């Protein structure tokens, strides 16, 4: 009899756990009439995502379920939306119900950052803090403020010119993704932390090593989010057993320590003449104030705390480094594979300098219209962030589709960018798509390499400025050419960002 009670109790516990973790989480979409692919208990649809990548999986599911459907990442309910009118509602018109990107900051990278006492940056900041910090930070990315950092970018552009000069004399193919990565790391450290290290010439310090260490750890993000979505206490277990001696924790601590030292040094030097002050994001954030004077932000909240300044600079480093190096490398690849487009761009650059011989690099980069088209087409073909997320705060109905509260919304940017419905022959590299006449014919929501709406990428203009200045400087002297070891078609790796899976090998030749 006792055995029967024990057996019955164990069986009941197993059934309860099965219901809680293997059945109940996967009933969300049935209740609101949304279709979804078949699920695997505990994993949902994440096995397909890891096998195919979420971009390929969404394309596959879209053919079966249409432009709006649900899927499960572990136990997390996600609504995939490819309907452009619905996306406009979510990112712009009903933004206040879809402000947050995540339910707080989660995953093992969050645990490691928390161990180092590095606060959350804008990307993962919750709704309340984002609404306070974004207005304070936005003026830092104004055209006027960004132009103040042009000398820092120019310095790295000239160093990159020297590196390319050495490459061109050898005539061999070169892995350019790594070189552009050194360039953007050099720029980002100078503009974010005021740290001027000649990375392109092989120099390094504790800050560059820490940044590289953090980038090497971003591969754990996807797996950790799966575990955290399915096992509520997995973050606690990770924190307890694995995080204390982690190299990434030490790297985050190094970033914070260096930034704090710079902040303290600059405060001690605050009595010096203003013309001697550093001009970088760290300095601008130290001086930042919100323009909004409604009183909603609370007493004293218009100035950023030191922790917030450090978190913002760290986020700028993490978000701006690889995405911009990807953009430059992919653009070089596309130009090499489309020599007629590259030749047209070079001719446009030469024509501009014939008429404006004394033009600054900044003015030239923003005056050649075709360069702008080239970069936007590159961002369409290879968007740096292949998807972005929002969270539905309150259950709502949009265009007849009910979205339950707490659901994640995935905006599959890469799928939209390569859709034959929105782009004629999307596989072709054709910068003319972004000429004024053609641009107007496209729905604005089918192209969003930097997101859309109020919570788009705050560093968008800086990234484009950096990329334009870099390419403008290079294409005055050099051109990219396909080499025997150039990978065709190019394989990409899609994680937090999209990057070349095996690098990008091209020849760099003098014109």
Protein backbone atom coordinates (compact mmCIF):
# COMPACT_ATOMS: atom_id res chain seq x y z
CA UNK A 1 0.00 0.00 0.00
CA UNK A 2 2.81 2.42 0.89
CA UNK A 3 4.51 1.61 -2.40
CA UNK A 4 1.28 2.41 -4.25
CA UNK A 5 1.05 5.82 -2.53
CA UNK A 6 4.68 6.60 -3.31
CA UNK A 7 4.28 5.49 -6.91
CA UNK A 8 1.07 7.51 -7.26
CA UNK A 9 2.76 10.58 -5.77
CA UNK A 10 5.75 10.29 -8.09
CA UNK A 11 3.48 9.78 -11.09
CA UNK A 12 1.41 12.80 -10.13
CA UNK A 13 4.57 14.91 -9.77
CA UNK A 14 5.82 13.74 -13.18
CA UNK A 15 2.47 14.61 -14.77
CA UNK A 16 2.44 18.04 -13.13
CA UNK A 17 5.99 18.74 -14.32
CA UNK A 18 5.16 17.44 -17.78
CA UNK A 19 2.11 19.67 -17.97
CA UNK A 20 4.01 22.72 -16.68
CA UNK A 21 7.12 22.41 -18.83
CA UNK A 22 6.21 20.18 -21.80
CA UNK A 23 2.55 20.98 -22.54
CA UNK A 24 1.22 24.26 -21.10
CA UNK A 25 3.91 26.56 -22.56
CA UNK A 26 2.98 25.40 -26.07
CA UNK A 27 -0.73 26.24 -25.93
CA UNK A 28 -0.34 30.03 -26.19
CA UNK A 29 -1.06 30.32 -29.90
CA UNK A 30 -3.89 27.79 -29.97
CA UNK A 31 -5.81 30.00 -27.56
CA UNK A 32 -5.71 33.00 -29.91
CA UNK A 33 -6.03 31.16 -33.20
CA UNK A 34 -2.45 31.60 -34.47
CA UNK A 35 -0.88 28.72 -36.37
CA UNK A 36 2.58 27.44 -35.44
CA UNK A 37 4.95 24.62 -36.47
CA UNK A 38 4.82 21.31 -34.54
CA UNK A 39 6.80 21.51 -31.31
CA UNK A 40 9.16 19.20 -29.40
CA UNK A 41 8.56 19.11 -25.62
CA UNK A 42 11.00 21.31 -23.68
CA UNK A 43 12.62 22.57 -26.92
CA UNK A 44 9.64 24.00 -28.79
CA UNK A 45 10.95 24.83 -32.28
CA UNK A 46 14.48 25.71 -31.18
CA UNK A 47 16.02 22.54 -32.64
CA UNK A 48 14.96 23.66 -36.13
CA UNK A 49 16.34 27.14 -35.40
CA UNK A 50 19.74 25.80 -34.34
CA UNK A 51 19.82 23.43 -37.31
CA UNK A 52 18.69 25.91 -39.99
CA UNK A 53 19.25 29.34 -38.36
CA UNK A 54 16.18 31.35 -37.47
CA UNK A 55 16.24 33.20 -40.81
CA UNK A 56 15.98 29.99 -42.87
CA UNK A 57 13.49 28.49 -40.42
CA UNK A 58 11.23 31.54 -40.62
CA UNK A 59 11.37 31.47 -44.43
CA UNK A 60 10.39 27.80 -44.34
CA UNK A 61 7.53 28.34 -41.88
CA UNK A 62 6.29 31.43 -43.72
CA UNK A 63 5.57 29.32 -46.83
CA UNK A 64 3.30 27.12 -44.70
CA UNK A 65 1.76 29.55 -42.19
CA UNK A 66 1.76 32.89 -44.01
CA UNK A 67 3.04 36.30 -42.96
CA UNK A 68 1.99 36.05 -39.29
CA UNK A 69 2.55 32.91 -37.24
CA UNK A 70 3.88 31.73 -33.91
CA UNK A 71 6.79 29.54 -32.89
CA UNK A 72 8.46 28.60 -29.62
CA UNK A 73 12.10 29.19 -28.66
CA UNK A 74 12.29 26.78 -25.78
CA UNK A 75 9.22 27.77 -23.78
CA UNK A 76 9.25 31.34 -25.09
CA UNK A 77 6.32 32.22 -27.34
CA UNK A 78 7.43 34.24 -30.38
CA UNK A 79 5.21 35.78 -33.06
CA UNK A 80 6.92 36.17 -36.44
CA UNK A 81 5.51 39.09 -38.40
CA UNK A 82 6.24 39.79 -42.05
CA UNK A 83 3.12 41.85 -42.71
CA UNK A 84 4.43 45.37 -43.33
CA UNK A 85 1.34 47.22 -42.11
CA UNK A 86 1.41 45.27 -38.85
CA UNK A 87 5.11 46.04 -38.43
CA UNK A 88 4.37 49.74 -38.81
CA UNK A 89 1.73 49.47 -36.08
CA UNK A 90 4.12 47.64 -33.75
CA UNK A 91 7.24 49.76 -34.23
CA UNK A 92 5.62 53.19 -34.66
CA UNK A 93 1.87 53.65 -34.18
CA UNK A 94 1.45 51.36 -31.15
CA UNK A 95 5.05 51.66 -30.01
CA UNK A 96 4.14 52.23 -26.36
CA UNK A 97 2.77 48.67 -26.17
CA UNK A 98 5.93 47.24 -27.80
CA UNK A 99 8.68 49.37 -26.27
CA UNK A 100 10.84 46.66 -24.73
CA UNK A 101 13.14 44.35 -26.64
CA UNK A 102 13.36 41.77 -23.85
CA UNK A 103 11.77 40.89 -20.52
CA UNK A 104 14.62 42.44 -18.63
CA UNK A 105 18.20 41.51 -19.41
CA UNK A 106 18.72 37.76 -19.42
CA UNK A 107 21.13 35.05 -20.40
CA UNK A 108 24.60 34.08 -19.23
CA UNK A 109 26.25 37.19 -20.70
CA UNK A 110 23.97 39.22 -18.44
CA UNK A 111 25.14 37.20 -15.43
CA UNK A 112 28.78 37.78 -16.35
CA UNK A 113 28.22 41.50 -16.81
CA UNK A 114 26.31 41.70 -13.53
CA UNK A 115 29.20 40.00 -11.72
CA UNK A 116 31.44 42.80 -12.98
CA UNK A 117 28.88 45.42 -11.87
CA UNK A 118 28.43 46.71 -15.42
CA UNK A 119 24.91 48.10 -15.87
CA UNK A 120 22.53 47.41 -18.76
CA UNK A 121 22.91 49.59 -21.85
CA UNK A 122 20.22 51.00 -24.13
CA UNK A 123 19.78 47.82 -26.20
CA UNK A 124 18.35 45.75 -23.33
CA UNK A 125 17.21 48.53 -21.00
CA UNK A 126 13.67 48.18 -19.67
CA UNK A 127 10.90 50.57 -20.73
CA UNK A 128 11.12 52.89 -17.73
CA UNK A 129 14.88 53.38 -17.83
CA UNK A 130 14.99 53.54 -21.63
CA UNK A 131 12.45 56.36 -21.66
CA UNK A 132 14.62 58.30 -19.20
CA UNK A 133 18.03 57.61 -20.72
CA UNK A 134 17.27 57.81 -24.46
CA UNK A 135 16.39 61.56 -24.46
CA UNK A 136 19.59 62.30 -22.53
CA UNK A 137 21.70 60.24 -24.91
CA UNK A 138 20.16 61.15 -28.28
CA UNK A 139 21.76 64.62 -28.58
CA UNK A 140 25.16 62.92 -28.29
CA UNK A 141 24.48 61.35 -31.69
CA UNK A 142 23.42 64.57 -33.41
CA UNK A 143 25.22 65.51 -36.63
CA UNK A 144 26.91 68.42 -34.87
CA UNK A 145 28.25 66.28 -32.02
CA UNK A 146 29.34 63.45 -34.29
CA UNK A 147 31.23 65.82 -36.52
CA UNK A 148 33.35 66.73 -33.51
CA UNK A 149 34.71 63.18 -33.60
CA UNK A 150 35.69 63.29 -37.27
CA UNK A 151 39.43 63.82 -36.50
CA UNK A 152 39.49 60.53 -34.59
CA UNK A 153 37.99 58.69 -37.57
CA UNK A 154 40.26 60.48 -40.04
CA UNK A 155 43.32 59.37 -38.08
CA UNK A 156 42.34 55.70 -38.39
CA UNK A 157 41.40 56.19 -42.07
CA UNK A 158 44.91 57.45 -42.81
CA UNK A 159 46.46 54.51 -40.95
CA UNK A 160 44.24 52.10 -42.89
CA UNK A 161 45.45 53.80 -46.08
CA UNK A 162 49.04 52.86 -45.11
CA UNK A 163 48.01 49.25 -44.44
CA UNK A 164 46.29 49.02 -47.83
CA UNK A 165 49.36 50.50 -49.51
CA UNK A 166 51.46 47.61 -48.18
CA UNK A 167 48.80 45.07 -49.23
CA UNK A 168 48.52 46.46 -52.77
CA UNK A 169 52.26 46.19 -53.43
CA UNK A 170 52.22 42.45 -52.70
CA UNK A 171 49.37 41.68 -55.10
CA UNK A 172 48.14 38.73 -53.06
CA UNK A 173 44.66 38.16 -51.72
CA UNK A 174 44.10 39.41 -48.19
CA UNK A 175 41.51 38.60 -45.54
CA UNK A 176 39.79 41.98 -45.27
CA UNK A 177 37.20 41.23 -42.59
CA UNK A 178 39.96 41.03 -39.98
CA UNK A 179 41.56 44.27 -41.19
CA UNK A 180 38.28 46.17 -41.20
CA UNK A 181 37.68 44.74 -37.73
CA UNK A 182 40.96 46.30 -36.55
CA UNK A 183 39.91 49.59 -38.11
CA UNK A 184 36.49 49.71 -36.45
CA UNK A 185 37.92 48.57 -33.10
CA UNK A 186 40.45 51.39 -33.28
CA UNK A 187 37.73 53.92 -34.10
CA UNK A 188 35.29 52.65 -31.50
CA UNK A 189 37.83 52.66 -28.66
CA UNK A 190 38.93 56.17 -29.56
CA UNK A 191 35.38 57.54 -29.84
CA UNK A 192 33.79 55.60 -26.97
CA UNK A 193 36.55 55.45 -24.36
CA UNK A 194 39.01 58.11 -25.49
CA UNK A 195 41.61 55.34 -25.86
CA UNK A 196 43.83 55.93 -28.89
CA UNK A 197 45.65 52.69 -29.69
CA UNK A 198 47.10 52.00 -33.13
CA UNK A 199 45.47 48.59 -33.51
CA UNK A 200 45.96 48.60 -37.29
CA UNK A 201 49.71 48.69 -36.69
CA UNK A 202 49.60 45.86 -34.16
CA UNK A 203 49.46 47.82 -30.91
CA UNK A 204 47.25 46.69 -28.07
CA UNK A 205 46.56 47.17 -24.38
CA UNK A 206 44.35 45.80 -21.62
CA UNK A 207 41.30 47.52 -23.09
CA UNK A 208 41.68 45.98 -26.55
CA UNK A 209 42.29 42.55 -25.03
CA UNK A 210 39.19 42.89 -22.83
CA UNK A 211 37.04 43.96 -25.78
CA UNK A 212 38.28 41.01 -27.86
CA UNK A 213 37.55 38.64 -24.98
CA UNK A 214 33.96 39.83 -24.68
CA UNK A 215 33.38 39.42 -28.42
CA UNK A 216 34.68 35.85 -28.26
CA UNK A 217 32.06 35.09 -25.61
CA UNK A 218 29.00 36.25 -27.52
CA UNK A 219 28.64 32.75 -29.03
CA UNK A 220 27.04 31.56 -25.79
CA UNK A 221 24.15 33.99 -26.16
CA UNK A 222 21.74 31.83 -28.19
CA UNK A 223 22.20 28.66 -26.14
CA UNK A 224 22.00 30.53 -22.84
CA UNK A 225 18.75 32.23 -23.85
CA UNK A 226 17.26 28.83 -24.72
CA UNK A 227 18.20 27.44 -21.32
CA UNK A 228 16.97 30.54 -19.50
CA UNK A 229 13.64 30.45 -21.34
CA UNK A 230 13.04 26.81 -20.40
CA UNK A 231 14.75 26.48 -17.01
CA UNK A 232 13.91 29.45 -14.75
CA UNK A 233 16.79 28.82 -12.34
CA UNK A 234 19.51 28.23 -14.96
CA UNK A 235 20.89 31.76 -14.57
CA UNK A 236 21.24 31.20 -10.82
CA UNK A 237 23.05 27.90 -11.39
CA UNK A 238 25.38 29.51 -13.91
CA UNK A 239 26.07 32.39 -11.52
CA UNK A 240 26.75 29.98 -8.65
CA UNK A 241 29.06 27.50 -10.38
CA UNK A 242 30.61 29.10 -13.47
CA UNK A 243 30.68 32.90 -13.39
CA UNK A 244 33.07 33.73 -10.55
CA UNK A 245 36.32 32.97 -12.34
CA UNK A 246 35.11 33.70 -15.85
CA UNK A 247 37.50 35.47 -18.21
CA UNK A 248 34.56 37.43 -19.66
CA UNK A 249 33.64 38.71 -16.19
CA UNK A 250 37.20 39.94 -15.83
CA UNK A 251 37.01 41.55 -19.27
CA UNK A 252 33.84 43.42 -18.35
CA UNK A 253 35.51 44.51 -15.10
CA UNK A 254 38.50 45.79 -17.09
CA UNK A 255 36.27 47.87 -19.37
CA UNK A 256 34.55 49.38 -16.35
CA UNK A 257 37.83 50.05 -14.55
CA UNK A 258 39.42 51.81 -17.55
CA UNK A 259 36.31 53.90 -18.19
CA UNK A 260 36.08 54.86 -14.53
CA UNK A 261 39.73 55.96 -14.50
CA UNK A 262 39.15 58.15 -17.56
CA UNK A 263 36.01 59.70 -16.02
CA UNK A 264 37.85 60.53 -12.80
CA UNK A 265 40.85 61.97 -14.68
CA UNK A 266 38.62 64.19 -16.78
CA UNK A 267 36.71 65.46 -13.78
CA UNK A 268 40.00 66.42 -12.17
CA UNK A 269 40.93 68.30 -15.36
CA UNK A 270 37.53 70.00 -15.69
CA UNK A 271 39.00 73.38 -14.74
CA UNK A 272 41.17 73.41 -17.88
CA UNK A 273 40.18 75.51 -20.89
CA UNK A 274 37.36 73.97 -22.89
CA UNK A 275 39.45 73.84 -26.04
CA UNK A 276 41.75 71.31 -24.37
CA UNK A 277 38.94 68.89 -23.59
CA UNK A 278 38.70 65.51 -25.24
CA UNK A 279 35.97 65.11 -27.84
CA UNK A 280 34.53 61.58 -27.71
CA UNK A 281 31.33 59.90 -26.61
CA UNK A 282 32.58 59.40 -23.08
CA UNK A 283 33.10 63.15 -22.69
CA UNK A 284 29.80 64.02 -24.36
CA UNK A 285 27.90 61.60 -22.13
CA UNK A 286 29.57 63.07 -19.05
CA UNK A 287 28.19 66.45 -20.11
CA UNK A 288 24.83 65.09 -21.30
CA UNK A 289 21.54 66.51 -20.06
CA UNK A 290 18.01 65.75 -21.21
CA UNK A 291 16.26 68.51 -23.13
CA UNK A 292 12.86 67.42 -21.81
CA UNK A 293 11.84 69.58 -18.86
CA UNK A 294 8.43 68.08 -18.15
CA UNK A 295 9.41 66.86 -14.71
CA UNK A 296 8.48 63.28 -15.54
CA UNK A 297 12.06 62.11 -15.24
CA UNK A 298 12.25 62.96 -11.54
CA UNK A 299 14.63 65.17 -9.53
CA UNK A 300 18.23 64.92 -10.62
CA UNK A 301 17.54 62.26 -13.23
CA UNK A 302 18.52 64.39 -16.21
CA UNK A 303 22.18 63.62 -15.66
CA UNK A 304 23.56 60.18 -16.34
CA UNK A 305 25.20 58.26 -13.51
CA UNK A 306 28.74 56.97 -13.89
CA UNK A 307 27.41 53.42 -14.16
CA UNK A 308 25.04 54.46 -16.95
CA UNK A 309 27.82 56.27 -18.81
CA UNK A 310 30.04 53.18 -18.63
CA UNK A 311 27.15 50.90 -19.68
CA UNK A 312 26.36 53.13 -22.66
CA UNK A 313 30.00 53.22 -23.79
CA UNK A 314 30.26 49.43 -23.39
CA UNK A 315 27.08 48.94 -25.42
CA UNK A 316 28.39 51.33 -28.08
CA UNK A 317 31.57 49.26 -28.23
CA UNK A 318 29.79 45.91 -28.48
CA UNK A 319 27.08 47.07 -30.90
CA UNK A 320 29.27 49.27 -33.08
CA UNK A 321 32.42 47.23 -33.56
CA UNK A 322 31.37 44.11 -35.43
CA UNK A 323 28.36 45.59 -37.23
CA UNK A 324 30.44 48.31 -38.91
CA UNK A 325 33.33 45.98 -39.76
CA UNK A 326 30.75 43.62 -41.28
CA UNK A 327 29.32 46.46 -43.36
CA UNK A 328 32.74 47.46 -44.68
CA UNK A 329 33.81 43.89 -45.46
CA UNK A 330 30.53 42.95 -47.14
CA UNK A 331 30.59 46.16 -49.20
CA UNK A 332 34.14 45.47 -50.37
CA UNK A 333 33.06 41.95 -51.36
CA UNK A 334 30.01 43.17 -53.27
CA UNK A 335 32.06 45.80 -55.11
CA UNK A 336 34.67 43.21 -56.08
CA UNK A 337 31.95 40.87 -57.35
CA UNK A 338 30.27 43.70 -59.27
CA UNK A 339 33.16 45.58 -60.93
CA UNK A 340 30.79 47.72 -63.02
CA UNK A 341 29.22 49.13 -59.84
CA UNK A 342 32.63 49.65 -58.28
CA UNK A 343 33.85 51.48 -61.37
CA UNK A 344 30.82 53.75 -61.32
CA UNK A 345 31.43 54.58 -57.66
CA UNK A 346 35.10 55.33 -58.31
CA UNK A 347 34.15 57.60 -61.20
CA UNK A 348 31.66 59.46 -58.99
CA UNK A 349 34.34 59.94 -56.32
CA UNK A 350 36.88 61.18 -58.89
CA UNK A 351 34.32 63.54 -60.38
CA UNK A 352 33.55 65.01 -56.98
CA UNK A 353 37.21 65.68 -56.16
CA UNK A 354 37.80 67.27 -59.57
CA UNK A 355 35.31 69.95 -58.60
CA UNK A 356 36.15 70.05 -54.86
CA UNK A 357 39.90 69.56 -54.59
CA UNK A 358 40.16 70.93 -51.05
CA UNK A 359 37.13 69.15 -49.66
CA UNK A 360 37.42 67.47 -46.28
CA UNK A 361 36.96 63.71 -46.07
CA UNK A 362 33.76 64.22 -44.07
CA UNK A 363 32.20 66.58 -46.64
CA UNK A 364 33.26 64.37 -49.55
CA UNK A 365 31.84 61.23 -47.95
CA UNK A 366 28.48 62.90 -47.47
CA UNK A 367 28.36 64.48 -50.93
CA UNK A 368 28.77 61.48 -53.25
CA UNK A 369 25.22 60.23 -53.61
CA UNK A 370 26.15 56.92 -55.22
CA UNK A 371 28.25 55.98 -52.18
CA UNK A 372 25.12 56.30 -50.06
CA UNK A 373 23.21 54.02 -52.46
CA UNK A 374 26.04 51.44 -52.39
CA UNK A 375 26.08 51.26 -48.60
CA UNK A 376 22.30 50.98 -48.31
CA UNK A 377 22.22 48.21 -50.92
CA UNK A 378 24.99 46.40 -49.04
CA UNK A 379 22.91 46.70 -45.86
CA UNK A 380 19.95 45.26 -47.73
CA UNK A 381 21.89 42.25 -49.02
CA UNK A 382 23.75 41.63 -45.76
CA UNK A 383 21.91 43.34 -42.88
CA UNK A 384 24.21 43.43 -39.83
CA UNK A 385 21.35 42.41 -37.51
CA UNK A 386 19.30 39.73 -39.32
CA UNK A 387 16.41 40.13 -36.90
CA UNK A 388 15.17 42.31 -34.03
CA UNK A 389 12.65 41.78 -31.25
CA UNK A 390 9.88 43.57 -29.40
CA UNK A 391 7.67 42.42 -26.52
CA UNK A 392 3.90 42.78 -26.41
CA UNK A 393 3.16 44.43 -23.07
CA UNK A 394 -0.65 44.12 -23.17
CA UNK A 395 -2.79 41.72 -25.21
CA UNK A 396 -3.89 43.54 -28.35
CA UNK A 397 -5.43 42.91 -31.77
CA UNK A 398 -3.76 44.31 -34.88
CA UNK A 399 -5.30 43.82 -38.31
CA UNK A 400 -7.45 41.02 -36.89
CA UNK A 401 -4.52 39.18 -35.27
CA UNK A 402 -4.55 38.81 -31.49
CA UNK A 403 -1.11 39.01 -29.85
CA UNK A 404 -1.05 37.78 -26.22
CA UNK A 405 0.68 39.81 -23.53
CA UNK A 406 4.24 38.71 -22.86
CA UNK A 407 4.85 37.33 -26.36
CA UNK A 408 8.02 38.23 -28.17
CA UNK A 409 7.64 39.74 -31.63
CA UNK A 410 10.40 38.84 -34.07
CA UNK A 411 10.95 41.16 -37.03
CA UNK A 412 12.89 39.02 -39.55
CA UNK A 413 14.88 41.81 -41.21
CA UNK A 414 16.91 39.58 -43.51
CA UNK A 415 13.81 37.77 -44.77
CA UNK A 416 12.17 41.12 -45.58
CA UNK A 417 15.33 42.37 -47.32
CA UNK A 418 15.45 39.34 -49.59
CA UNK A 419 11.75 38.99 -50.34
CA UNK A 420 10.81 38.77 -54.01
CA UNK A 421 7.49 40.38 -53.05
CA UNK A 422 9.23 43.62 -52.08
CA UNK A 423 12.39 43.62 -54.21
CA UNK A 424 12.83 42.76 -57.86
CA UNK A 425 15.62 40.18 -58.20
CA UNK A 426 16.70 40.63 -54.58
CA UNK A 427 19.74 38.40 -55.09
CA UNK A 428 21.32 41.07 -57.31
CA UNK A 429 23.49 43.89 -55.98
CA UNK A 430 21.92 46.98 -57.51
CA UNK A 431 22.57 50.28 -55.65
CA UNK A 432 20.14 52.10 -57.94
CA UNK A 433 17.31 50.66 -55.81
CA UNK A 434 18.08 53.51 -53.40
CA UNK A 435 17.99 56.31 -55.94
CA UNK A 436 15.29 58.87 -55.06
CA UNK A 437 12.89 57.62 -57.76
CA UNK A 438 13.11 53.92 -56.90
CA UNK A 439 13.31 54.43 -53.15
CA UNK A 440 9.82 55.94 -53.08
CA UNK A 441 8.34 52.81 -54.65
CA UNK A 442 9.32 50.62 -51.68
CA UNK A 443 7.28 50.30 -48.49
CA UNK A 444 9.44 51.82 -45.71
CA UNK A 445 9.01 48.73 -43.53
CA UNK A 446 10.57 46.31 -46.03
CA UNK A 447 13.99 47.87 -45.37
CA UNK A 448 15.16 48.34 -41.79
CA UNK A 449 18.85 47.47 -41.28
CA UNK A 450 18.88 49.62 -38.13
CA UNK A 451 15.41 48.73 -36.89
CA UNK A 452 12.43 51.07 -37.06
CA UNK A 453 10.49 53.49 -34.90
CA UNK A 454 11.62 55.26 -31.72
CA UNK A 455 13.69 52.28 -30.57
CA UNK A 456 15.80 52.01 -33.68
CA UNK A 457 19.60 51.93 -33.51
CA UNK A 458 20.79 55.16 -31.89
CA UNK A 459 24.23 54.77 -33.51
CA UNK A 460 22.92 54.50 -37.08
CA UNK A 461 24.26 57.84 -38.30
CA UNK A 462 27.64 57.30 -36.68
CA UNK A 463 28.02 53.86 -38.31
CA UNK A 464 27.18 55.27 -41.74
CA UNK A 465 29.50 58.24 -41.24
CA UNK A 466 32.39 55.96 -40.27
CA UNK A 467 31.77 53.58 -43.20
CA UNK A 468 31.41 56.40 -45.74
CA UNK A 469 34.61 58.11 -44.64
CA UNK A 470 36.53 54.83 -44.70
CA UNK A 471 35.38 53.79 -48.19
CA UNK A 472 35.69 57.30 -49.60
CA UNK A 473 39.31 57.45 -48.49
CA UNK A 474 40.17 53.97 -49.82
CA UNK A 475 38.42 54.16 -53.19
CA UNK A 476 40.32 57.29 -54.18
CA UNK A 477 43.40 55.11 -54.55
CA UNK A 478 42.46 51.44 -54.47
CA UNK A 479 39.97 49.00 -55.87
CA UNK A 480 38.84 45.55 -54.73
CA UNK A 481 39.18 42.55 -57.01
CA UNK A 482 38.07 38.93 -56.82
CA UNK A 483 40.92 36.52 -56.06
CA UNK A 484 41.28 32.74 -56.68
CA UNK A 485 40.42 32.06 -53.02
CA UNK A 486 37.45 34.44 -52.88
CA UNK A 487 34.50 32.44 -51.62
CA UNK A 488 31.59 32.30 -54.09
CA UNK A 489 28.88 32.20 -52.94
CA UNK A 490 29.88 33.83 -49.69
CA UNK A 491 28.94 31.87 -46.57
CA UNK A 492 27.77 33.89 -43.61
CA UNK A 493 27.43 33.14 -39.92
CA UNK A 494 24.23 34.40 -38.33
CA UNK A 495 24.33 34.94 -34.59
CA UNK A 496 23.68 38.17 -32.76
CA UNK A 497 25.01 39.78 -35.93
CA UNK A 498 25.65 38.50 -39.46
CA UNK A 499 29.30 38.12 -40.42
CA UNK A 500 31.40 36.21 -42.99
CA UNK A 501 31.72 32.59 -41.87
CA UNK A 502 35.24 32.12 -43.28
CA UNK A 503 36.42 35.69 -43.72
CA UNK A 504 36.54 37.66 -46.98
CA UNK A 505 39.57 37.20 -49.24
CA UNK A 506 40.09 39.82 -51.94
CA UNK A 507 42.88 41.52 -53.82
CA UNK A 508 43.49 45.20 -53.14
CA UNK A 509 44.98 46.94 -56.20
CA UNK A 510 46.11 50.44 -56.93
CA UNK A 511 43.85 52.15 -59.48
